[in-house]
């Protein structure tokens, strides 16, 4: 299967927007969160789709930015657990070892 990703942006009449990025997992998917640098950010790259999350001022985060980062960490942990649960519920084997381990 060829590598692909797609991005959908929906804009409602009131101007609010929703962006969704879907990436077919393969060896070309890159998730990078550099440590010990002068800025905080995490980047996902795949098949010409690039998503970077960072505080407004990546070199001087505020207490609010710390709160957001912790909220994202909790939400991503819940997301991982849900993906694993649904994978197993649909006949998949137990997930591979945690890549962060």
Protein backbone atom coordinates (compact mmCIF):
# COMPACT_ATOMS: atom_id res chain seq x y z
CA UNK A 1 0.00 0.00 0.00
CA UNK A 2 1.35 3.42 -0.90
CA UNK A 3 2.05 5.94 1.79
CA UNK A 4 -0.56 8.67 2.11
CA UNK A 5 -2.09 11.18 4.46
CA UNK A 6 -4.96 13.55 4.10
CA UNK A 7 -6.08 16.76 5.73
CA UNK A 8 -9.65 17.98 5.91
CA UNK A 9 -10.57 21.54 6.82
CA UNK A 10 -14.27 22.30 7.33
CA UNK A 11 -15.37 25.90 7.76
CA UNK A 12 -18.90 26.59 8.98
CA UNK A 13 -20.93 29.66 7.95
CA UNK A 14 -20.13 31.31 11.31
CA UNK A 15 -16.41 31.11 10.44
CA UNK A 16 -15.51 28.38 12.92
CA UNK A 17 -13.18 25.76 11.47
CA UNK A 18 -12.34 22.12 12.16
CA UNK A 19 -9.10 20.57 10.89
CA UNK A 20 -8.52 16.82 10.78
CA UNK A 21 -5.26 15.11 9.77
CA UNK A 22 -5.27 11.35 9.08
CA UNK A 23 -2.04 9.46 8.47
CA UNK A 24 -1.66 5.87 7.28
CA UNK A 25 0.88 4.44 9.71
CA UNK A 26 4.01 3.18 8.03
CA UNK A 27 7.77 3.54 8.40
CA UNK A 28 7.65 7.05 6.93
CA UNK A 29 5.52 8.51 9.75
CA UNK A 30 7.74 10.70 11.92
CA UNK A 31 6.88 12.01 15.39
CA UNK A 32 9.63 14.17 16.87
CA UNK A 33 9.77 15.95 20.21
CA UNK A 34 13.29 17.31 20.69
CA UNK A 35 14.50 17.50 24.29
CA UNK A 36 17.04 19.85 25.81
CA UNK A 37 16.75 22.46 23.04
CA UNK A 38 15.90 26.15 23.36
CA UNK A 39 12.26 25.63 22.35
CA UNK A 40 9.33 23.33 23.12
CA UNK A 41 7.51 21.63 20.25
CA UNK A 42 6.31 18.32 18.88
CA UNK A 43 6.10 17.61 15.15
CA UNK A 44 4.33 14.95 13.11
CA UNK A 45 5.34 14.52 9.47
CA UNK A 46 4.06 12.14 6.85
CA UNK A 47 3.55 12.20 3.11
CA UNK A 48 3.65 16.00 2.77
CA UNK A 49 1.47 16.57 5.84
CA UNK A 50 3.31 18.41 8.62
CA UNK A 51 1.76 19.30 11.96
CA UNK A 52 3.71 21.16 14.65
CA UNK A 53 2.39 21.94 18.12
CA UNK A 54 4.16 24.54 20.24
CA UNK A 55 3.38 27.29 22.71
CA UNK A 56 2.79 30.74 21.22
CA UNK A 57 6.29 31.62 22.38
CA UNK A 58 8.11 28.28 22.13
CA UNK A 59 11.22 29.64 23.88
CA UNK A 60 9.39 31.14 26.89
CA UNK A 61 6.24 29.13 27.72
CA UNK A 62 3.78 30.49 30.27
CA UNK A 63 2.02 28.64 33.10
CA UNK A 64 -0.97 28.43 30.75
CA UNK A 65 1.22 26.72 28.15
CA UNK A 66 2.31 24.18 30.78
CA UNK A 67 -1.37 23.50 31.55
CA UNK A 68 -2.12 22.98 27.84
CA UNK A 69 0.89 20.64 27.42
CA UNK A 70 -0.23 18.55 30.39
CA UNK A 71 -3.81 18.46 29.07
CA UNK A 72 -2.50 17.31 25.68
CA UNK A 73 -0.38 14.59 27.36
CA UNK A 74 -3.41 13.29 29.26
CA UNK A 75 -5.59 13.41 26.15
CA UNK A 76 -2.98 11.61 24.01
CA UNK A 77 -2.63 8.90 26.68
CA UNK A 78 -6.41 8.41 26.62
CA UNK A 79 -6.34 8.39 22.79
CA UNK A 80 -3.64 5.68 22.80
CA UNK A 81 -5.65 3.57 25.24
CA UNK A 82 -8.79 3.90 23.09
CA UNK A 83 -6.92 3.01 19.88
CA UNK A 84 -5.42 -0.05 21.61
CA UNK A 85 -8.82 -1.09 23.03
CA UNK A 86 -10.55 -0.81 19.65
CA UNK A 87 -7.65 -2.59 17.91
CA UNK A 88 -7.99 -5.60 20.24
CA UNK A 89 -11.82 -5.48 20.15
CA UNK A 90 -11.66 -5.75 16.36
CA UNK A 91 -9.51 -8.88 16.43
CA UNK A 92 -6.07 -7.31 16.52
CA UNK A 93 -3.29 -8.76 18.60
CA UNK A 94 -2.01 -7.07 21.73
CA UNK A 95 -0.22 -3.86 20.75
CA UNK A 96 3.54 -3.73 20.33
CA UNK A 97 5.71 -2.33 23.11
CA UNK A 98 5.41 1.35 23.93
CA UNK A 99 7.80 3.29 21.59
CA UNK A 100 8.64 5.67 24.44
CA UNK A 101 9.90 2.81 26.61
